[in-house]
Amino acid sequence: AVTGQFSSIAVRDEDEVTLSCGNVRDDQDQCDSSSWLFTTTSNTIELI
C-alpha cells in the first residue's frame, strides 16, 4: 500500500517494451505531471 503498484516484465534484447504508469493524474496535459526514474544497483537516473 505504501510503495504503490509493482510489476515485473522480461523482454528479449533488441525488442521494444512499453512500461505502464498506473498512477497517472487525471488533470495532466501531455504528461506534464509525470516523471520516470531508472534505478540500478549503483545509481538512479531521471529519464523523463
All heavy atoms as atom14 arrays in JSON, in Angstrom:
{
  "sequence": "AVTGQFSSIAVRDEDEVTLSCGNVRDDQDQCDSSSWLFTTTSNTIELI",
  "atom14_mask": [
    [1, 1, 1, 1, 1, 0, 0, 0, 0, 0, 0, 0, 0, 0],
    [1, 1, 1, 1, 1, 1, 1, 0, 0, 0, 0, 0, 0, 0],
    [1, 1, 1, 1, 1, 1, 1, 0, 0, 0, 0, 0, 0, 0],
    [1, 1, 1, 1, 0, 0, 0, 0, 0, 0, 0, 0, 0, 0],
    [1, 1, 1, 1, 1, 1, 1, 1, 1, 0, 0, 0, 0, 0],
    [1, 1, 1, 1, 1, 1, 1, 1, 1, 1, 1, 0, 0, 0],
    [1, 1, 1, 1, 1, 1, 0, 0, 0, 0, 0, 0, 0, 0],
    [1, 1, 1, 1, 1, 1, 0, 0, 0, 0, 0, 0, 0, 0],
    [1, 1, 1, 1, 1, 1, 1, 1, 0, 0, 0, 0, 0, 0],
    [1, 1, 1, 1, 1, 0, 0, 0, 0, 0, 0, 0, 0, 0],
    [1, 1, 1, 1, 1, 1, 1, 0, 0, 0, 0, 0, 0, 0],
    [1, 1, 1, 1, 1, 1, 1, 1, 1, 1, 1, 0, 0, 0],
    [1, 1, 1, 1, 1, 1, 1, 1, 0, 0, 0, 0, 0, 0],
    [1, 1, 1, 1, 1, 1, 1, 1, 1, 0, 0, 0, 0, 0],
    [1, 1, 1, 1, 1, 1, 1, 1, 0, 0, 0, 0, 0, 0],
    [1, 1, 1, 1, 1, 1, 1, 1, 1, 0, 0, 0, 0, 0],
    [1, 1, 1, 1, 1, 1, 1, 0, 0, 0, 0, 0, 0, 0],
    [1, 1, 1, 1, 1, 1, 1, 0, 0, 0, 0, 0, 0, 0],
    [1, 1, 1, 1, 1, 1, 1, 1, 0, 0, 0, 0, 0, 0],
    [1, 1, 1, 1, 1, 1, 0, 0, 0, 0, 0, 0, 0, 0],
    [1, 1, 1, 1, 1, 1, 0, 0, 0, 0, 0, 0, 0, 0],
    [1, 1, 1, 1, 0, 0, 0, 0, 0, 0, 0, 0, 0, 0],
    [1, 1, 1, 1, 1, 1, 1, 1, 0, 0, 0, 0, 0, 0],
    [1, 1, 1, 1, 1, 1, 1, 0, 0, 0, 0, 0, 0, 0],
    [1, 1, 1, 1, 1, 1, 1, 1, 1, 1, 1, 0, 0, 0],
    [1, 1, 1, 1, 1, 1, 1, 1, 0, 0, 0, 0, 0, 0],
    [1, 1, 1, 1, 1, 1, 1, 1, 0, 0, 0, 0, 0, 0],
    [1, 1, 1, 1, 1, 1, 1, 1, 1, 0, 0, 0, 0, 0],
    [1, 1, 1, 1, 1, 1, 1, 1, 0, 0, 0, 0, 0, 0],
    [1, 1, 1, 1, 1, 1, 1, 1, 1, 0, 0, 0, 0, 0],
    [1, 1, 1, 1, 1, 1, 0, 0, 0, 0, 0, 0, 0, 0],
    [1, 1, 1, 1, 1, 1, 1, 1, 0, 0, 0, 0, 0, 0],
    [1, 1, 1, 1, 1, 1, 0, 0, 0, 0, 0, 0, 0, 0],
    [1, 1, 1, 1, 1, 1, 0, 0, 0, 0, 0, 0, 0, 0],
    [1, 1, 1, 1, 1, 1, 0, 0, 0, 0, 0, 0, 0, 0],
    [1, 1, 1, 1, 1, 1, 1, 1, 1, 1, 1, 1, 1, 1],
    [1, 1, 1, 1, 1, 1, 1, 1, 0, 0, 0, 0, 0, 0],
    [1, 1, 1, 1, 1, 1, 1, 1, 1, 1, 1, 0, 0, 0],
    [1, 1, 1, 1, 1, 1, 1, 0, 0, 0, 0, 0, 0, 0],
    [1, 1, 1, 1, 1, 1, 1, 0, 0, 0, 0, 0, 0, 0],
    [1, 1, 1, 1, 1, 1, 1, 0, 0, 0, 0, 0, 0, 0],
    [1, 1, 1, 1, 1, 1, 0, 0, 0, 0, 0, 0, 0, 0],
    [1, 1, 1, 1, 1, 1, 1, 1, 0, 0, 0, 0, 0, 0],
    [1, 1, 1, 1, 1, 1, 1, 0, 0, 0, 0, 0, 0, 0],
    [1, 1, 1, 1, 1, 1, 1, 1, 0, 0, 0, 0, 0, 0],
    [1, 1, 1, 1, 1, 1, 1, 1, 1, 0, 0, 0, 0, 0],
    [1, 1, 1, 1, 1, 1, 1, 1, 0, 0, 0, 0, 0, 0],
    [1, 1, 1, 1, 1, 1, 1, 1, 0, 0, 0, 0, 0, 0]
  ],
  "atom14_positions": [
    [[0.82, -1.21, 0.0], [0.0, 0.0, 0.0], [0.85, 1.25, 0.0], [0.51, 2.27, -0.61], [-0.93, -0.01, 1.22], [0.0, 0.0, 0.0], [0.0, 0.0, 0.0], [0.0, 0.0, 0.0], [0.0, 0.0, 0.0], [0.0, 0.0, 0.0], [0.0, 0.0, 0.0], [0.0, 0.0, 0.0], [0.0, 0.0, 0.0], [0.0, 0.0, 0.0]],
    [[2.0, 1.21, 0.69], [2.87, 2.38, 0.79], [3.66, 2.59, -0.49], [3.82, 3.71, -0.97], [3.82, 2.23, 2.0], [4.87, 3.33, 1.98], [3.02, 2.27, 3.29], [0.0, 0.0, 0.0], [0.0, 0.0, 0.0], [0.0, 0.0, 0.0], [0.0, 0.0, 0.0], [0.0, 0.0, 0.0], [0.0, 0.0, 0.0], [0.0, 0.0, 0.0]],
    [[4.17, 1.51, -1.05], [5.07, 1.64, -2.19], [4.33, 1.75, -3.51], [4.93, 2.07, -4.53], [6.01, 0.43, -2.25], [5.23, -0.77, -2.32], [6.9, 0.38, -1.04], [0.0, 0.0, 0.0], [0.0, 0.0, 0.0], [0.0, 0.0, 0.0], [0.0, 0.0, 0.0], [0.0, 0.0, 0.0], [0.0, 0.0, 0.0], [0.0, 0.0, 0.0]],
    [[3.01, 1.49, -3.56], [2.28, 1.61, -4.8], [2.32, 0.34, -5.61], [2.6, -0.73, -5.11], [0.0, 0.0, 0.0], [0.0, 0.0, 0.0], [0.0, 0.0, 0.0], [0.0, 0.0, 0.0], [0.0, 0.0, 0.0], [0.0, 0.0, 0.0], [0.0, 0.0, 0.0], [0.0, 0.0, 0.0], [0.0, 0.0, 0.0], [0.0, 0.0, 0.0]],
    [[2.0, 0.47, -6.89], [1.89, -0.69, -7.76], [3.27, -1.23, -8.13], [4.21, -0.47, -8.32], [1.11, -0.31, -9.02], [-0.3, 0.17, -8.75], [-1.06, 0.46, -10.02], [-0.82, -0.15, -11.05], [-1.97, 1.41, -9.95], [0.0, 0.0, 0.0], [0.0, 0.0, 0.0], [0.0, 0.0, 0.0], [0.0, 0.0, 0.0], [0.0, 0.0, 0.0]],
    [[3.34, -2.55, -8.25], [4.6, -3.21, -8.59], [4.33, -4.26, -9.65], [3.35, -5.0, -9.57], [5.21, -3.86, -7.35], [6.37, -4.77, -7.65], [7.65, -4.28, -7.75], [6.18, -6.13, -7.87], [8.73, -5.09, -8.03], [7.23, -6.97, -8.16], [8.51, -6.44, -8.24], [0.0, 0.0, 0.0], [0.0, 0.0, 0.0], [0.0, 0.0, 0.0]],
    [[5.2, -4.33, -10.64], [5.1, -5.37, -11.67], [6.48, -5.72, -12.16], [7.45, -4.98, -11.94], [4.21, -4.91, -12.84], [4.76, -3.77, -13.47], [0.0, 0.0, 0.0], [0.0, 0.0, 0.0], [0.0, 0.0, 0.0], [0.0, 0.0, 0.0], [0.0, 0.0, 0.0], [0.0, 0.0, 0.0], [0.0, 0.0, 0.0], [0.0, 0.0, 0.0]],
    [[6.57, -6.85, -12.82], [7.85, -7.32, -13.35], [7.64, -7.85, -14.76], [6.63, -8.51, -15.04], [8.43, -8.42, -12.45], [9.65, -8.91, -12.97], [0.0, 0.0, 0.0], [0.0, 0.0, 0.0], [0.0, 0.0, 0.0], [0.0, 0.0, 0.0], [0.0, 0.0, 0.0], [0.0, 0.0, 0.0], [0.0, 0.0, 0.0], [0.0, 0.0, 0.0]],
    [[8.58, -7.54, -15.66], [8.45, -7.97, -17.04], [9.82, -8.31, -17.6], [10.82, -7.69, -17.23], [7.77, -6.87, -17.9], [7.52, -7.38, -19.32], [8.6, -5.6, -17.92], [6.72, -6.41, -20.16], [0.0, 0.0, 0.0], [0.0, 0.0, 0.0], [0.0, 0.0, 0.0], [0.0, 0.0, 0.0], [0.0, 0.0, 0.0], [0.0, 0.0, 0.0]],
    [[9.86, -9.32, -18.45], [11.1, -9.7, -19.15], [10.89, -9.45, -20.64], [9.8, -9.66, -21.18], [11.44, -11.16, -18.89], [0.0, 0.0, 0.0], [0.0, 0.0, 0.0], [0.0, 0.0, 0.0], [0.0, 0.0, 0.0], [0.0, 0.0, 0.0], [0.0, 0.0, 0.0], [0.0, 0.0, 0.0], [0.0, 0.0, 0.0], [0.0, 0.0, 0.0]],
    [[11.96, -8.99, -21.31], [11.87, -8.7, -22.73], [13.15, -9.15, -23.41], [14.23, -9.13, -22.8], [11.62, -7.19, -22.96], [12.79, -6.36, -22.44], [11.37, -6.88, -24.43], [0.0, 0.0, 0.0], [0.0, 0.0, 0.0], [0.0, 0.0, 0.0], [0.0, 0.0, 0.0], [0.0, 0.0, 0.0], [0.0, 0.0, 0.0], [0.0, 0.0, 0.0]],
    [[13.05, -9.57, -24.64], [14.22, -10.0, -25.41], [15.05, -8.79, -25.82], [14.51, -7.72, -26.13], [13.75, -10.76, -26.67], [14.87, -11.24, -27.6], [15.49, -12.51, -27.14], [16.58, -12.92, -28.0], [16.45, -13.73, -29.06], [15.24, -14.19, -29.39], [17.5, -14.08, -29.76], [0.0, 0.0, 0.0], [0.0, 0.0, 0.0], [0.0, 0.0, 0.0]],
    [[16.34, -8.93, -25.78], [17.2, -7.83, -26.21], [16.93, -7.5, -27.68], [16.59, -8.36, -28.48], [18.68, -8.18, -26.01], [19.13, -9.35, -26.85], [18.31, -10.27, -27.06], [20.29, -9.37, -27.3], [0.0, 0.0, 0.0], [0.0, 0.0, 0.0], [0.0, 0.0, 0.0], [0.0, 0.0, 0.0], [0.0, 0.0, 0.0], [0.0, 0.0, 0.0]],
    [[17.04, -6.22, -27.99], [16.76, -5.65, -29.31], [15.27, -5.46, -29.58], [14.9, -4.87, -30.58], [17.39, -6.49, -30.44], [18.9, -6.51, -30.45], [19.49, -5.12, -30.7], [18.91, -4.36, -31.49], [20.51, -4.79, -30.09], [0.0, 0.0, 0.0], [0.0, 0.0, 0.0], [0.0, 0.0, 0.0], [0.0, 0.0, 0.0], [0.0, 0.0, 0.0]],
    [[14.4, -5.97, -28.69], [12.97, -5.76, -28.86], [12.54, -4.42, -28.27], [13.35, -3.7, -27.67], [12.17, -6.89, -28.2], [12.17, -8.16, -29.04], [12.67, -8.11, -30.18], [11.68, -9.19, -28.55], [0.0, 0.0, 0.0], [0.0, 0.0, 0.0], [0.0, 0.0, 0.0], [0.0, 0.0, 0.0], [0.0, 0.0, 0.0], [0.0, 0.0, 0.0]],
    [[11.27, -4.11, -28.41], [10.69, -2.89, -27.85], [9.78, -3.25, -26.68], [9.09, -4.27, -26.72], [9.91, -2.13, -28.92], [9.25, -0.85, -28.44], [8.5, -0.13, -29.55], [9.13, 0.14, -30.6], [7.29, 0.15, -29.37], [0.0, 0.0, 0.0], [0.0, 0.0, 0.0], [0.0, 0.0, 0.0], [0.0, 0.0, 0.0], [0.0, 0.0, 0.0]],
    [[9.76, -2.41, -25.65], [8.93, -2.68, -24.48], [8.22, -1.4, -24.06], [8.75, -0.3, -24.21], [9.77, -3.25, -23.31], [10.77, -2.21, -22.8], [8.87, -3.74, -22.18], [0.0, 0.0, 0.0], [0.0, 0.0, 0.0], [0.0, 0.0, 0.0], [0.0, 0.0, 0.0], [0.0, 0.0, 0.0], [0.0, 0.0, 0.0], [0.0, 0.0, 0.0]],
    [[6.99, -1.56, -23.56], [6.21, -0.44, -23.03], [5.94, -0.69, -21.55], [5.37, -1.71, -21.18], [4.88, -0.29, -23.79], [5.14, -0.04, -25.17], [4.08, 0.87, -23.22], [0.0, 0.0, 0.0], [0.0, 0.0, 0.0], [0.0, 0.0, 0.0], [0.0, 0.0, 0.0], [0.0, 0.0, 0.0], [0.0, 0.0, 0.0], [0.0, 0.0, 0.0]],
    [[6.36, 0.25, -20.71], [6.17, 0.15, -19.26], [5.02, 1.06, -18.86], [5.05, 2.27, -19.09], [7.46, 0.57, -18.54], [8.75, -0.14, -18.99], [9.94, 0.34, -18.17], [8.61, -1.65, -18.88], [0.0, 0.0, 0.0], [0.0, 0.0, 0.0], [0.0, 0.0, 0.0], [0.0, 0.0, 0.0], [0.0, 0.0, 0.0], [0.0, 0.0, 0.0]],
    [[4.0, 0.47, -18.24], [2.79, 1.22, -17.91], [2.95, 2.02, -16.62], [3.58, 1.57, -15.66], [1.6, 0.27, -17.78], [1.36, -0.42, -18.99], [0.0, 0.0, 0.0], [0.0, 0.0, 0.0], [0.0, 0.0, 0.0], [0.0, 0.0, 0.0], [0.0, 0.0, 0.0], [0.0, 0.0, 0.0], [0.0, 0.0, 0.0], [0.0, 0.0, 0.0]],
    [[2.35, 3.2, -16.62], [2.31, 4.04, -15.42], [0.89, 3.99, -14.87], [-0.05, 4.5, -15.5], [2.7, 5.47, -15.76], [2.7, 6.58, -14.34], [0.0, 0.0, 0.0], [0.0, 0.0, 0.0], [0.0, 0.0, 0.0], [0.0, 0.0, 0.0], [0.0, 0.0, 0.0], [0.0, 0.0, 0.0], [0.0, 0.0, 0.0], [0.0, 0.0, 0.0]],
    [[0.72, 3.36, -13.71], [-0.62, 3.12, -13.2], [-1.16, 4.17, -12.26], [-2.27, 4.03, -11.75], [0.0, 0.0, 0.0], [0.0, 0.0, 0.0], [0.0, 0.0, 0.0], [0.0, 0.0, 0.0], [0.0, 0.0, 0.0], [0.0, 0.0, 0.0], [0.0, 0.0, 0.0], [0.0, 0.0, 0.0], [0.0, 0.0, 0.0], [0.0, 0.0, 0.0]],
    [[-0.41, 5.24, -12.02], [-0.87, 6.25, -11.06], [-1.02, 7.63, -11.71], [-0.79, 8.66, -11.08], [0.09, 6.34, -9.88], [1.53, 6.66, -10.32], [1.79, 6.78, -11.52], [2.44, 6.79, -9.37], [0.0, 0.0, 0.0], [0.0, 0.0, 0.0], [0.0, 0.0, 0.0], [0.0, 0.0, 0.0], [0.0, 0.0, 0.0], [0.0, 0.0, 0.0]],
    [[-1.41, 7.65, -12.98], [-1.46, 8.9, -13.74], [-2.53, 9.84, -13.19], [-3.65, 9.42, -12.88], [-1.73, 8.6, -15.23], [-1.82, 9.9, -16.03], [-0.66, 7.7, -15.79], [0.0, 0.0, 0.0], [0.0, 0.0, 0.0], [0.0, 0.0, 0.0], [0.0, 0.0, 0.0], [0.0, 0.0, 0.0], [0.0, 0.0, 0.0], [0.0, 0.0, 0.0]],
    [[-2.19, 11.11, -13.08], [-3.15, 12.14, -12.63], [-4.12, 12.45, -13.77], [-3.73, 12.48, -14.95], [-2.41, 13.41, -12.21], [-1.63, 13.26, -10.92], [-0.68, 14.45, -10.74], [-1.41, 15.72, -10.84], [-1.95, 16.36, -9.81], [-1.84, 15.84, -8.6], [-2.56, 17.51, -9.97], [0.0, 0.0, 0.0], [0.0, 0.0, 0.0], [0.0, 0.0, 0.0]],
    [[-5.36, 12.72, -13.43], [-6.39, 12.97, -14.45], [-6.27, 14.36, -15.08], [-6.77, 14.58, -16.19], [-7.78, 12.81, -13.83], [-8.04, 11.4, -13.36], [-7.47, 10.46, -13.94], [-8.81, 11.23, -12.39], [0.0, 0.0, 0.0], [0.0, 0.0, 0.0], [0.0, 0.0, 0.0], [0.0, 0.0, 0.0], [0.0, 0.0, 0.0], [0.0, 0.0, 0.0]],
    [[-5.63, 15.3, -14.38], [-5.58, 16.67, -14.86], [-4.29, 17.0, -15.62], [-3.91, 18.16, -15.74], [-5.73, 17.64, -13.69], [-4.63, 17.46, -12.63], [-3.93, 16.43, -12.69], [-4.49, 18.34, -11.77], [0.0, 0.0, 0.0], [0.0, 0.0, 0.0], [0.0, 0.0, 0.0], [0.0, 0.0, 0.0], [0.0, 0.0, 0.0], [0.0, 0.0, 0.0]],
    [[-3.63, 15.96, -16.16], [-2.35, 16.2, -16.84], [-2.56, 16.7, -18.27], [-3.56, 16.37, -18.92], [-1.52, 14.92, -16.87], [-1.09, 14.44, -15.49], [0.04, 13.44, -15.58], [1.21, 13.78, -15.65], [-0.33, 12.17, -15.57], [0.0, 0.0, 0.0], [0.0, 0.0, 0.0], [0.0, 0.0, 0.0], [0.0, 0.0, 0.0], [0.0, 0.0, 0.0]],
    [[-1.61, 17.46, -18.74], [-1.57, 17.9, -20.12], [-0.26, 17.41, -20.73], [0.81, 17.91, -20.39], [-1.67, 19.43, -20.2], [-1.61, 19.93, -21.64], [-1.87, 19.13, -22.56], [-1.3, 21.12, -21.84], [0.0, 0.0, 0.0], [0.0, 0.0, 0.0], [0.0, 0.0, 0.0], [0.0, 0.0, 0.0], [0.0, 0.0, 0.0], [0.0, 0.0, 0.0]],
    [[-0.34, 16.4, -21.58], [0.85, 15.79, -22.19], [1.82, 15.28, -21.13], [3.02, 15.45, -21.23], [1.54, 16.79, -23.12], [0.68, 17.21, -24.3], [1.39, 18.15, -25.25], [2.45, 18.69, -24.94], [0.82, 18.34, -26.42], [0.0, 0.0, 0.0], [0.0, 0.0, 0.0], [0.0, 0.0, 0.0], [0.0, 0.0, 0.0], [0.0, 0.0, 0.0]],
    [[1.25, 14.65, -20.08], [2.04, 14.0, -19.02], [2.95, 14.98, -18.3], [4.05, 14.6, -17.85], [2.85, 12.84, -19.6], [1.84, 11.54, -20.34], [0.0, 0.0, 0.0], [0.0, 0.0, 0.0], [0.0, 0.0, 0.0], [0.0, 0.0, 0.0], [0.0, 0.0, 0.0], [0.0, 0.0, 0.0], [0.0, 0.0, 0.0], [0.0, 0.0, 0.0]],
    [[2.52, 16.25, -18.17], [3.37, 17.26, -17.55], [3.44, 17.14, -16.03], [4.06, 17.97, -15.36], [2.92, 18.66, -17.94], [1.49, 18.95, -17.51], [0.81, 18.02, -17.0], [1.04, 20.09, -17.68], [0.0, 0.0, 0.0], [0.0, 0.0, 0.0], [0.0, 0.0, 0.0], [0.0, 0.0, 0.0], [0.0, 0.0, 0.0], [0.0, 0.0, 0.0]],
    [[2.79, 16.1, -15.46], [2.91, 15.84, -14.02], [3.59, 14.51, -13.74], [3.69, 14.11, -12.58], [1.52, 15.85, -13.37], [0.89, 17.1, -13.49], [0.0, 0.0, 0.0], [0.0, 0.0, 0.0], [0.0, 0.0, 0.0], [0.0, 0.0, 0.0], [0.0, 0.0, 0.0], [0.0, 0.0, 0.0], [0.0, 0.0, 0.0], [0.0, 0.0, 0.0]],
    [[4.08, 13.84, -14.79], [4.67, 12.5, -14.64], [6.16, 12.5, -14.97], [6.6, 13.14, -15.93], [3.96, 11.5, -15.57], [2.6, 11.38, -15.23], [0.0, 0.0, 0.0], [0.0, 0.0, 0.0], [0.0, 0.0, 0.0], [0.0, 0.0, 0.0], [0.0, 0.0, 0.0], [0.0, 0.0, 0.0], [0.0, 0.0, 0.0], [0.0, 0.0, 0.0]],
    [[6.9, 11.77, -14.17], [8.34, 11.58, -14.41], [8.66, 10.1, -14.27], [8.02, 9.37, -13.51], [9.18, 12.4, -13.42], [9.0, 13.78, -13.62], [0.0, 0.0, 0.0], [0.0, 0.0, 0.0], [0.0, 0.0, 0.0], [0.0, 0.0, 0.0], [0.0, 0.0, 0.0], [0.0, 0.0, 0.0], [0.0, 0.0, 0.0], [0.0, 0.0, 0.0]],
    [[9.68, 9.66, -15.02], [10.15, 8.27, -14.95], [11.59, 8.26, -14.45], [12.44, 9.0, -14.95], [10.09, 7.61, -16.32], [8.75, 7.05, -16.68], [7.78, 7.67, -17.42], [8.24, 5.76, -16.33], [6.7, 6.84, -17.56], [6.94, 5.67, -16.9], [8.73, 4.68, -15.6], [6.13, 4.54, -16.75], [7.93, 3.56, -15.45], [6.66, 3.49, -16.02]],
    [[11.87, 7.4, -13.45], [13.22, 7.23, -12.92], [13.69, 5.81, -13.15], [12.9, 4.86, -13.09], [13.25, 7.55, -11.42], [12.98, 9.0, -11.01], [11.48, 9.26, -10.89], [13.67, 9.34, -9.72], [0.0, 0.0, 0.0], [0.0, 0.0, 0.0], [0.0, 0.0, 0.0], [0.0, 0.0, 0.0], [0.0, 0.0, 0.0], [0.0, 0.0, 0.0]],
    [[14.98, 5.66, -13.41], [15.6, 4.36, -13.66], [16.63, 4.1, -12.57], [17.55, 4.89, -12.37], [16.26, 4.36, -15.04], [17.06, 3.12, -15.33], [16.49, 1.86, -15.22], [18.39, 3.21, -15.74], [17.21, 0.72, -15.5], [19.12, 2.07, -16.02], [18.53, 0.82, -15.9], [0.0, 0.0, 0.0], [0.0, 0.0, 0.0], [0.0, 0.0, 0.0]],
    [[16.45, 2.99, -11.84], [17.32, 2.67, -10.71], [18.04, 1.35, -10.94], [17.41, 0.34, -11.28], [16.52, 2.58, -9.4], [15.85, 3.83, -9.17], [17.43, 2.29, -8.22], [0.0, 0.0, 0.0], [0.0, 0.0, 0.0], [0.0, 0.0, 0.0], [0.0, 0.0, 0.0], [0.0, 0.0, 0.0], [0.0, 0.0, 0.0], [0.0, 0.0, 0.0]],
    [[19.37, 1.35, -10.76], [20.17, 0.14, -10.8], [20.8, -0.06, -9.43], [20.49, 0.65, -8.48], [21.27, 0.25, -11.88], [22.2, 1.28, -11.51], [20.68, 0.59, -13.24], [0.0, 0.0, 0.0], [0.0, 0.0, 0.0], [0.0, 0.0, 0.0], [0.0, 0.0, 0.0], [0.0, 0.0, 0.0], [0.0, 0.0, 0.0], [0.0, 0.0, 0.0]],
    [[21.7, -1.03, -9.34], [22.36, -1.28, -8.06], [23.32, -0.16, -7.69], [23.75, -0.06, -6.54], [23.13, -2.6, -8.1], [24.03, -2.59, -9.23], [22.17, -3.78, -8.25], [0.0, 0.0, 0.0], [0.0, 0.0, 0.0], [0.0, 0.0, 0.0], [0.0, 0.0, 0.0], [0.0, 0.0, 0.0], [0.0, 0.0, 0.0], [0.0, 0.0, 0.0]],
    [[23.67, 0.71, -8.64], [24.67, 1.75, -8.38], [24.11, 3.16, -8.3], [24.62, 4.0, -7.56], [25.77, 1.7, -9.44], [25.21, 1.88, -10.74], [0.0, 0.0, 0.0], [0.0, 0.0, 0.0], [0.0, 0.0, 0.0], [0.0, 0.0, 0.0], [0.0, 0.0, 0.0], [0.0, 0.0, 0.0], [0.0, 0.0, 0.0], [0.0, 0.0, 0.0]],
    [[23.04, 3.47, -9.05], [22.54, 4.84, -9.03], [21.1, 4.92, -9.54], [20.52, 3.93, -9.99], [23.44, 5.77, -9.84], [23.5, 5.37, -11.3], [22.91, 4.37, -11.71], [24.2, 6.14, -12.1], [0.0, 0.0, 0.0], [0.0, 0.0, 0.0], [0.0, 0.0, 0.0], [0.0, 0.0, 0.0], [0.0, 0.0, 0.0], [0.0, 0.0, 0.0]],
    [[20.55, 6.14, -9.49], [19.21, 6.42, -10.01], [19.3, 7.59, -10.98], [19.91, 8.62, -10.68], [18.23, 6.77, -8.88], [18.09, 5.64, -8.01], [16.87, 7.14, -9.44], [0.0, 0.0, 0.0], [0.0, 0.0, 0.0], [0.0, 0.0, 0.0], [0.0, 0.0, 0.0], [0.0, 0.0, 0.0], [0.0, 0.0, 0.0], [0.0, 0.0, 0.0]],
    [[18.68, 7.43, -12.15], [18.72, 8.45, -13.19], [17.28, 8.83, -13.55], [16.42, 7.96, -13.7], [19.45, 7.95, -14.45], [20.88, 7.52, -14.11], [19.46, 9.02, -15.53], [21.6, 6.87, -15.26], [0.0, 0.0, 0.0], [0.0, 0.0, 0.0], [0.0, 0.0, 0.0], [0.0, 0.0, 0.0], [0.0, 0.0, 0.0], [0.0, 0.0, 0.0]],
    [[17.03, 10.13, -13.7], [15.72, 10.58, -14.16], [15.72, 10.56, -15.69], [16.46, 11.29, -16.34], [15.42, 11.99, -13.66], [14.02, 12.44, -14.01], [13.71, 13.85, -13.53], [14.57, 14.75, -13.75], [12.65, 14.05, -12.93], [0.0, 0.0, 0.0], [0.0, 0.0, 0.0], [0.0, 0.0, 0.0], [0.0, 0.0, 0.0], [0.0, 0.0, 0.0]],
    [[14.87, 9.69, -16.25], [14.79, 9.56, -17.7], [13.79, 10.55, -18.31], [14.07, 11.17, -19.33], [14.37, 8.13, -18.08], [15.28, 7.0, -17.6], [14.69, 5.66, -18.0], [16.69, 7.15, -18.15], [0.0, 0.0, 0.0], [0.0, 0.0, 0.0], [0.0, 0.0, 0.0], [0.0, 0.0, 0.0], [0.0, 0.0, 0.0], [0.0, 0.0, 0.0]],
    [[12.65, 10.65, -17.67], [11.6, 11.55, -18.14], [11.27, 12.54, -17.02], [10.96, 12.13, -15.9], [10.32, 10.77, -18.53], [10.64, 9.71, -19.58], [9.25, 11.74, -19.05], [11.16, 10.25, -20.89], [0.0, 0.0, 0.0], [0.0, 0.0, 0.0], [0.0, 0.0, 0.0], [0.0, 0.0, 0.0], [0.0, 0.0, 0.0], [0.0, 0.0, 0.0]]
  ]
}
